[in-house]
C-alpha atoms as a PDB file:
ATOM      1  CA  UNK A   1      59.169 159.264 -79.482  1.00  0.00           C
ATOM      2  CA  UNK A   2      57.698 157.237 -82.352  1.00  0.00           C
ATOM      3  CA  UNK A   3      55.625 154.172 -81.531  1.00  0.00           C
ATOM      4  CA  UNK A   4      55.170 150.819 -83.248  1.00  0.00           C
ATOM      5  CA  UNK A   5      53.155 147.709 -82.479  1.00  0.00           C
ATOM      6  CA  UNK A   6      54.565 144.463 -83.877  1.00  0.00           C
ATOM      7  CA  UNK A   7      52.522 141.274 -84.132  1.00  0.00           C
ATOM      8  CA  UNK A   8      54.292 137.936 -84.048  1.00  0.00           C
ATOM      9  CA  UNK A   9      57.011 139.649 -82.025  1.00  0.00           C
ATOM     10  CA  UNK A  10      58.215 136.659 -79.999  1.00  0.00           C
ATOM     11  CA  UNK A  11      60.490 135.112 -82.646  1.00  0.00           C
ATOM     12  CA  UNK A  12      61.832 135.319 -86.177  1.00  0.00           C
ATOM     13  CA  UNK A  13      61.320 138.486 -88.194  1.00  0.00           C
ATOM     14  CA  UNK A  14      59.058 139.999 -85.532  1.00  0.00           C
ATOM     15  CA  UNK A  15      61.632 139.633 -82.780  1.00  0.00           C
ATOM     16  CA  UNK A  16      64.488 140.931 -84.940  1.00  0.00           C
ATOM     17  CA  UNK A  17      62.391 143.911 -85.986  1.00  0.00           C
ATOM     18  CA  UNK A  18      61.427 144.700 -82.402  1.00  0.00           C
ATOM     19  CA  UNK A  19      65.058 144.648 -81.318  1.00  0.00           C
ATOM     20  CA  UNK A  20      66.162 146.986 -84.098  1.00  0.00           C
ATOM     21  CA  UNK A  21      63.349 149.461 -83.418  1.00  0.00           C
ATOM     22  CA  UNK A  22      64.231 149.469 -79.717  1.00  0.00           C
ATOM     23  CA  UNK A  23      67.861 150.170 -80.622  1.00  0.00           C
ATOM     24  CA  UNK A  24      66.698 153.163 -82.687  1.00  0.00           C
ATOM     25  CA  UNK A  25      64.720 154.730 -79.852  1.00  0.00           C
ATOM     26  CA  UNK A  26      61.156 153.694 -80.667  1.00  0.00           C
ATOM     27  CA  UNK A  27      58.477 152.712 -78.163  1.00  0.00           C
ATOM     28  CA  UNK A  28      57.642 149.149 -79.146  1.00  0.00           C
ATOM     29  CA  UNK A  29      54.583 147.035 -78.418  1.00  0.00           C
ATOM     30  CA  UNK A  30      55.380 143.323 -78.609  1.00  0.00           C
ATOM     31  CA  UNK A  31      52.314 141.242 -79.424  1.00  0.00           C
ATOM     32  CA  UNK A  32      52.329 137.438 -79.485  1.00  0.00           C
ATOM     33  CA  UNK A  33      50.876 134.440 -77.654  1.00  0.00           C
ATOM     34  CA  UNK A  34      54.047 133.450 -75.788  1.00  0.00           C
ATOM     35  CA  UNK A  35      54.360 135.942 -72.970  1.00  0.00           C
ATOM     36  CA  UNK A  36      57.571 134.504 -71.551  1.00  0.00           C
ATOM     37  CA  UNK A  37      59.402 135.156 -74.823  1.00  0.00           C
ATOM     38  CA  UNK A  38      58.022 138.689 -75.019  1.00  0.00           C
ATOM     39  CA  UNK A  39      59.186 139.332 -71.465  1.00  0.00           C
ATOM     40  CA  UNK A  40      62.709 138.261 -72.432  1.00  0.00           C
ATOM     41  CA  UNK A  41      62.786 140.845 -75.226  1.00  0.00           C
ATOM     42  CA  UNK A  42      61.252 143.598 -73.084  1.00  0.00           C
ATOM     43  CA  UNK A  43      63.290 142.901 -69.947  1.00  0.00           C
ATOM     44  CA  UNK A  44      65.005 146.000 -68.607  1.00  0.00           C
ATOM     45  CA  UNK A  45      63.646 148.282 -71.344  1.00  0.00           C
ATOM     46  CA  UNK A  46      61.003 150.821 -70.395  1.00  0.00           C
ATOM     47  CA  UNK A  47      60.343 151.486 -74.099  1.00  0.00           C
ATOM     48  CA  UNK A  48      59.082 147.925 -74.660  1.00  0.00           C
ATOM     49  CA  UNK A  49      55.644 146.601 -73.740  1.00  0.00           C
ATOM     50  CA  UNK A  50      54.688 142.911 -73.811  1.00  0.00           C
ATOM     51  CA  UNK A  51      51.153 142.336 -75.103  1.00  0.00           C
ATOM     52  CA  UNK A  52      50.018 138.733 -74.801  1.00  0.00           C
ATOM     53  CA  UNK A  53      47.337 138.035 -77.404  1.00  0.00           C
ATOM     54  CA  UNK A  54      46.222 135.520 -80.005  1.00  0.00           C
ATOM     55  CA  UNK A  55      45.745 137.307 -83.341  1.00  0.00           C
ATOM     56  CA  UNK A  56      43.004 134.854 -84.307  1.00  0.00           C
ATOM     57  CA  UNK A  57      40.831 136.137 -81.443  1.00  0.00           C
ATOM     58  CA  UNK A  58      39.322 139.589 -82.123  1.00  0.00           C
ATOM     59  CA  UNK A  59      38.777 140.327 -78.432  1.00  0.00           C
ATOM     60  CA  UNK A  60      42.460 139.601 -77.716  1.00  0.00           C
ATOM     61  CA  UNK A  61      43.604 141.907 -80.502  1.00  0.00           C
ATOM     62  CA  UNK A  62      41.280 144.731 -79.473  1.00  0.00           C
ATOM     63  CA  UNK A  63      42.340 144.484 -75.824  1.00  0.00           C
ATOM     64  CA  UNK A  64      46.035 144.462 -76.786  1.00  0.00           C
ATOM     65  CA  UNK A  65      45.601 147.616 -78.864  1.00  0.00           C
ATOM     66  CA  UNK A  66      43.760 149.349 -76.040  1.00  0.00           C
ATOM     67  CA  UNK A  67      46.567 148.413 -73.643  1.00  0.00           C
ATOM     68  CA  UNK A  68      49.192 149.626 -76.090  1.00  0.00           C
ATOM     69  CA  UNK A  69      47.451 152.955 -76.688  1.00  0.00           C
ATOM     70  CA  UNK A  70      47.064 153.547 -72.953  1.00  0.00           C
ATOM     71  CA  UNK A  71      50.788 152.910 -72.520  1.00  0.00           C
ATOM     72  CA  UNK A  72      52.175 154.631 -75.637  1.00  0.00           C
ATOM     73  CA  UNK A  73      49.628 157.406 -76.171  1.00  0.00           C
ATOM     74  CA  UNK A  74      49.324 156.802 -79.919  1.00  0.00           C
ATOM     75  CA  UNK A  75      50.304 154.362 -82.647  1.00  0.00           C
ATOM     76  CA  UNK A  76      52.519 155.572 -85.463  1.00  0.00           C
ATOM     77  CA  UNK A  77      53.191 152.207 -87.109  1.00  0.00           C
ATOM     78  CA  UNK A  78      51.736 148.712 -87.125  1.00  0.00           C
ATOM     79  CA  UNK A  79      54.028 145.961 -88.396  1.00  0.00           C
ATOM     80  CA  UNK A  80      51.415 143.344 -89.240  1.00  0.00           C
ATOM     81  CA  UNK A  81      53.753 140.390 -89.123  1.00  0.00           C
ATOM     82  CA  UNK A  82      52.260 137.311 -87.426  1.00  0.00           C
ATOM     83  CA  UNK A  83      52.089 134.320 -89.749  1.00  0.00           C
ATOM     84  CA  UNK A  84      52.507 130.552 -90.008  1.00  0.00           C
ATOM     85  CA  UNK A  85      53.620 128.072 -92.663  1.00  0.00           C
ATOM     86  CA  UNK A  86      51.683 124.824 -92.462  1.00  0.00           C
ATOM     87  CA  UNK A  87      53.229 121.480 -93.509  1.00  0.00           C
ATOM     88  CA  UNK A  88      53.647 121.286 -97.297  1.00  0.00           C
ATOM     89  CA  UNK A  89      51.621 119.166 -99.678  1.00  0.00           C
ATOM     90  CA  UNK A  90      49.377 119.274-102.713  1.00  0.00           C
ATOM     91  CA  UNK A  91      45.873 120.577-102.146  1.00  0.00           C
ATOM     92  CA  UNK A  92      44.327 117.106-101.908  1.00  0.00           C
ATOM     93  CA  UNK A  93      46.849 116.159 -99.192  1.00  0.00           C
ATOM     94  CA  UNK A  94      46.283 119.219 -96.997  1.00  0.00           C
ATOM     95  CA  UNK A  95      44.182 118.515 -93.884  1.00  0.00           C
ATOM     96  CA  UNK A  96      41.356 120.998 -93.647  1.00  0.00           C
ATOM     97  CA  UNK A  97      42.450 122.095 -90.183  1.00  0.00           C
ATOM     98  CA  UNK A  98      45.779 123.232 -91.685  1.00  0.00           C
ATOM     99  CA  UNK A  99      43.875 125.362 -94.175  1.00  0.00           C
ATOM    100  CA  UNK A 100      41.713 126.875 -91.453  1.00  0.00           C
ATOM    101  CA  UNK A 101      44.770 127.566 -89.268  1.00  0.00           C
ATOM    102  CA  UNK A 102      46.597 129.332 -92.097  1.00  0.00           C
ATOM    103  CA  UNK A 103      43.595 131.506 -92.928  1.00  0.00           C
ATOM    104  CA  UNK A 104      42.986 132.292 -89.249  1.00  0.00           C
ATOM    105  CA  UNK A 105      46.525 133.534 -88.599  1.00  0.00           C
ATOM    106  CA  UNK A 106      47.830 134.759 -91.965  1.00  0.00           C
ATOM    107  CA  UNK A 107      44.691 136.484 -93.169  1.00  0.00           C
ATOM    108  CA  UNK A 108      42.036 136.937 -90.490  1.00  0.00           C
ATOM    109  CA  UNK A 109      44.586 137.802 -87.805  1.00  0.00           C
ATOM    110  CA  UNK A 110      46.177 140.419 -90.036  1.00  0.00           C
ATOM    111  CA  UNK A 111      42.725 141.817 -90.817  1.00  0.00           C
ATOM    112  CA  UNK A 112      41.937 142.140 -87.102  1.00  0.00           C
ATOM    113  CA  UNK A 113      45.208 143.944 -86.353  1.00  0.00           C
ATOM    114  CA  UNK A 114      44.908 146.258 -89.358  1.00  0.00           C
ATOM    115  CA  UNK A 115      41.330 147.072 -88.407  1.00  0.00           C
ATOM    116  CA  UNK A 116      42.333 148.112 -84.882  1.00  0.00           C
ATOM    117  CA  UNK A 117      45.325 150.088 -86.122  1.00  0.00           C
ATOM    118  CA  UNK A 118      43.307 151.897 -88.805  1.00  0.00           C
ATOM    119  CA  UNK A 119      40.641 152.902 -86.296  1.00  0.00           C
ATOM    120  CA  UNK A 120      43.226 154.217 -83.824  1.00  0.00           C
ATOM    121  CA  UNK A 121      45.161 156.107 -86.489  1.00  0.00           C
ATOM    122  CA  UNK A 122      41.981 157.664 -87.829  1.00  0.00           C
ATOM    123  CA  UNK A 123      40.867 158.814 -84.364  1.00  0.00           C
ATOM    124  CA  UNK A 124      44.153 160.085 -82.919  1.00  0.00           C
ATOM    125  CA  UNK A 125      45.550 163.618 -83.025  1.00  0.00           C
ATOM    126  CA  UNK A 126      47.495 164.291 -85.133  1.00  0.00           C
ATOM    127  CA  UNK A 127      45.636 161.925 -87.392  1.00  0.00           C
ATOM    128  CA  UNK A 128      47.372 159.214 -89.405  1.00  0.00           C
ATOM    129  CA  UNK A 129      49.994 156.526 -89.255  1.00  0.00           C
ATOM    130  CA  UNK A 130      51.459 153.657 -91.233  1.00  0.00           C
ATOM    131  CA  UNK A 131      50.542 149.989 -91.602  1.00  0.00           C
ATOM    132  CA  UNK A 132      53.244 147.650 -92.906  1.00  0.00           C
ATOM    133  CA  UNK A 133      51.956 144.220 -93.875  1.00  0.00           C
ATOM    134  CA  UNK A 134      54.357 141.302 -93.996  1.00  0.00           C
ATOM    135  CA  UNK A 135      53.627 139.623 -97.300  1.00  0.00           C
ATOM    136  CA  UNK A 136      56.043 137.205 -98.910  1.00  0.00           C
ATOM    137  CA  UNK A 137      57.492 136.515-102.305  1.00  0.00           C
ATOM    138  CA  UNK A 138      54.850 133.784-102.190  1.00  0.00           C
ATOM    139  CA  UNK A 139      52.368 136.621-102.649  1.00  0.00           C
ATOM    140  CA  UNK A 140      53.579 136.605-106.263  1.00  0.00           C
ATOM    141  CA  UNK A 141      55.429 133.353-106.973  1.00  0.00           C
ATOM    142  CA  UNK A 142      54.718 130.198-104.925  1.00  0.00           C
ATOM    143  CA  UNK A 143      57.053 127.412-103.961  1.00  0.00           C
ATOM    144  CA  UNK A 144      55.790 123.840-104.471  1.00  0.00           C
ATOM    145  CA  UNK A 145      53.422 122.467-101.839  1.00  0.00           C
ATOM    146  CA  UNK A 146      52.555 125.857-100.334  1.00  0.00           C
ATOM    147  CA  UNK A 147      48.890 126.235-101.230  1.00  0.00           C
ATOM    148  CA  UNK A 148      47.724 127.413 -97.796  1.00  0.00           C
ATOM    149  CA  UNK A 149      50.538 129.917 -97.279  1.00  0.00           C
ATOM    150  CA  UNK A 150      50.540 131.197-100.856  1.00  0.00           C
ATOM    151  CA  UNK A 151      46.791 131.700-101.019  1.00  0.00           C
ATOM    152  CA  UNK A 152      46.733 133.706 -97.794  1.00  0.00           C
ATOM    153  CA  UNK A 153      49.704 135.823 -98.835  1.00  0.00           C
ATOM    154  CA  UNK A 154      48.066 136.664-102.161  1.00  0.00           C
ATOM    155  CA  UNK A 155      45.126 137.902-100.099  1.00  0.00           C
ATOM    156  CA  UNK A 156      47.423 140.147 -98.054  1.00  0.00           C
ATOM    157  CA  UNK A 157      48.389 141.983-101.243  1.00  0.00           C
ATOM    158  CA  UNK A 158      44.705 142.801-101.714  1.00  0.00           C
ATOM    159  CA  UNK A 159      44.491 143.974 -98.112  1.00  0.00           C
ATOM    160  CA  UNK A 160      47.527 146.205 -98.609  1.00  0.00           C
ATOM    161  CA  UNK A 161      46.206 147.811-101.777  1.00  0.00           C
ATOM    162  CA  UNK A 162      42.788 148.472-100.262  1.00  0.00           C
ATOM    163  CA  UNK A 163      44.150 149.955 -97.025  1.00  0.00           C
ATOM    164  CA  UNK A 164      46.531 152.140 -99.019  1.00  0.00           C
ATOM    165  CA  UNK A 165      43.587 153.521-100.988  1.00  0.00           C
ATOM    166  CA  UNK A 166      41.091 153.829 -98.127  1.00  0.00           C
ATOM    167  CA  UNK A 167      43.676 155.369 -95.802  1.00  0.00           C
ATOM    168  CA  UNK A 168      44.442 158.378 -97.981  1.00  0.00           C
ATOM    169  CA  UNK A 169      41.763 160.708 -96.531  1.00  0.00           C
ATOM    170  CA  UNK A 170      43.072 159.998 -93.031  1.00  0.00           C
ATOM    171  CA  UNK A 171      46.842 160.222 -93.679  1.00  0.00           C
ATOM    172  CA  UNK A 172      47.165 156.464 -93.163  1.00  0.00           C
ATOM    173  CA  UNK A 173      49.818 154.935 -95.399  1.00  0.00           C
ATOM    174  CA  UNK A 174      49.985 151.211 -96.053  1.00  0.00           C
ATOM    175  CA  UNK A 175      52.809 149.237 -97.628  1.00  0.00           C
ATOM    176  CA  UNK A 176      53.893 145.633 -97.901  1.00  0.00           C
ATOM    177  CA  UNK A 177      57.270 144.002 -97.395  1.00  0.00           C
ATOM    178  CA  UNK A 178      57.789 140.730 -99.251  1.00  0.00           C
ATOM    179  CA  UNK A 179      60.611 138.819 -97.617  1.00  0.00           C
ATOM    180  CA  UNK A 180      62.362 135.865 -99.182  1.00  0.00           C
ATOM    181  CA  UNK A 181      64.212 133.338 -97.004  1.00  0.00           C
ATOM    182  CA  UNK A 182      65.338 135.317 -93.985  1.00  0.00           C
ATOM    183  CA  UNK A 183      67.101 133.033 -91.499  1.00  0.00           C
ATOM    184  CA  UNK A 184      64.184 132.377 -89.128  1.00  0.00           C
ATOM    185  CA  UNK A 185      62.961 129.212 -87.381  1.00  0.00           C
ATOM    186  CA  UNK A 186      60.304 128.812 -90.091  1.00  0.00           C
ATOM    187  CA  UNK A 187      62.920 128.921 -92.874  1.00  0.00           C
ATOM    188  CA  UNK A 188      65.189 126.613 -90.856  1.00  0.00           C
ATOM    189  CA  UNK A 189      62.389 124.022 -90.968  1.00  0.00           C
ATOM    190  CA  UNK A 190      62.190 124.396 -94.747  1.00  0.00           C
ATOM    191  CA  UNK A 191      65.946 123.888 -95.007  1.00  0.00           C
ATOM    192  CA  UNK A 192      65.777 120.791 -92.815  1.00  0.00           C
ATOM    193  CA  UNK A 193      62.975 119.404 -94.949  1.00  0.00           C
ATOM    194  CA  UNK A 194      64.952 119.984 -98.125  1.00  0.00           C
ATOM    195  CA  UNK A 195      67.969 118.219 -96.651  1.00  0.00           C
ATOM    196  CA  UNK A 196      65.867 115.275 -95.522  1.00  0.00           C
ATOM    197  CA  UNK A 197      64.469 114.867 -99.017  1.00  0.00           C
ATOM    198  CA  UNK A 198      67.850 115.230-100.685  1.00  0.00           C
ATOM    199  CA  UNK A 199      66.884 118.510-102.347  1.00  0.00           C
ATOM    200  CA  UNK A 200      68.708 121.797-102.711  1.00  0.00           C
ATOM    201  CA  UNK A 201      69.151 123.753 -99.485  1.00  0.00           C
ATOM    202  CA  UNK A 202      67.487 127.180 -99.825  1.00  0.00           C
ATOM    203  CA  UNK A 203      69.690 130.265 -99.980  1.00  0.00           C
ATOM    204  CA  UNK A 204      69.039 132.536 -96.998  1.00  0.00           C
ATOM    205  CA  UNK A 205      69.873 136.004 -95.695  1.00  0.00           C
ATOM    206  CA  UNK A 206      70.288 137.358 -92.179  1.00  0.00           C
ATOM    207  CA  UNK A 207      67.012 138.158 -90.472  1.00  0.00           C
ATOM    208  CA  UNK A 208      68.399 141.560 -89.408  1.00  0.00           C
ATOM    209  CA  UNK A 209      68.530 142.572 -93.076  1.00  0.00           C
ATOM    210  CA  UNK A 210      64.773 142.098 -93.294  1.00  0.00           C
ATOM    211  CA  UNK A 211      64.267 143.991 -90.024  1.00  0.00           C
ATOM    212  CA  UNK A 212      66.310 146.955 -91.254  1.00  0.00           C
ATOM    213  CA  UNK A 213      64.116 147.082 -94.343  1.00  0.00           C
ATOM    214  CA  UNK A 214      61.032 147.416 -92.133  1.00  0.00           C
ATOM    215  CA  UNK A 215      62.772 150.219 -90.237  1.00  0.00           C
ATOM    216  CA  UNK A 216      63.432 152.056 -93.496  1.00  0.00           C
ATOM    217  CA  UNK A 217      59.765 151.852 -94.462  1.00  0.00           C
ATOM    218  CA  UNK A 218      58.633 152.980 -91.012  1.00  0.00           C
ATOM    219  CA  UNK A 219      60.966 155.977 -90.798  1.00  0.00           C
ATOM    220  CA  UNK A 220      59.681 157.640 -93.959  1.00  0.00           C
ATOM    221  CA  UNK A 221      57.484 160.721 -93.500  1.00  0.00           C
ATOM    222  CA  UNK A 222      53.804 160.050 -94.176  1.00  0.00           C
ATOM    223  CA  UNK A 223      54.134 162.027 -97.394  1.00  0.00           C
ATOM    224  CA  UNK A 224      56.182 159.105 -98.786  1.00  0.00           C
ATOM    225  CA  UNK A 225      55.404 155.403 -98.855  1.00  0.00           C
ATOM    226  CA  UNK A 226      57.125 152.210 -99.932  1.00  0.00           C
ATOM    227  CA  UNK A 227      54.113 150.535-101.487  1.00  0.00           C
ATOM    228  CA  UNK A 228      55.824 147.195-102.063  1.00  0.00           C
ATOM    229  CA  UNK A 229      59.350 146.153-101.153  1.00  0.00           C
ATOM    230  CA  UNK A 230      60.942 142.813-102.005  1.00  0.00           C
ATOM    231  CA  UNK A 231      64.002 141.888 -99.946  1.00  0.00           C
ATOM    232  CA  UNK A 232      65.465 138.425-100.309  1.00  0.00           C
ATOM    233  CA  UNK A 233      68.564 136.275-100.341  1.00  0.00           C
ATOM    234  CA  UNK A 234      70.437 137.339-103.455  1.00  0.00           C
ATOM    235  CA  UNK A 235      70.834 133.836-104.886  1.00  0.00           C
ATOM    236  CA  UNK A 236      67.453 132.356-104.000  1.00  0.00           C
ATOM    237  CA  UNK A 237      65.458 131.006-106.967  1.00  0.00           C
ATOM    238  CA  UNK A 238      62.867 133.739-107.329  1.00  0.00           C
ATOM    239  CA  UNK A 239      63.933 135.664-110.407  1.00  0.00           C
ATOM    240  CA  UNK A 240      63.822 133.114-113.180  1.00  0.00           C
ATOM    241  CA  UNK A 241      61.647 130.693-111.248  1.00  0.00           C
ATOM    242  CA  UNK A 242      59.597 128.872-113.891  1.00  0.00           C
END
């Protein structure tokens, strides 16, 4: 039975992805801060394991990986998903604590999880595995007022490329999924903000469509890799955004 650990698994894309992997017979580690929400997802399923951890705390992440490996035996895939979108504004309007929070979760937290996954995949027998980083179309094209989110997501592209290169000797593949406007609580807040300001309501897609895309990437043999995948609402203003 294949195994996957998903960070940010308590809601949004992480939760939808966990549910789809469970439906397809994977052993799934659910990592997030909110244990009660993880327990709801895992309830009654012996192939699900709740792992309460804060990705900004390296000791938490390391302990969660150790617990997962004891339970699952190995890690085939990490879906490095946990992320936040801080309140929008121009750079001079952004409180410094919002910047530090975005870096801590979106970049440092993903580094910690990737580091633990890489070490486990390198050491296990048979060697290897796959790391899937959740980027964003903001890793390429920002939306207005998103300096904290966009900057951290650009950094994730660098993390993905480096892990993909450094993982080759150890049969560790790394790819990135860049998701545009899946119907999650975070996107719902963006829609509400647009409505409040009298702007255009963003086009969205079902969150399950994003989750199925992660499943496709994860199910490939290690001899093949989706290096970068963009999946988004068809009519969202990405292509042609000026």
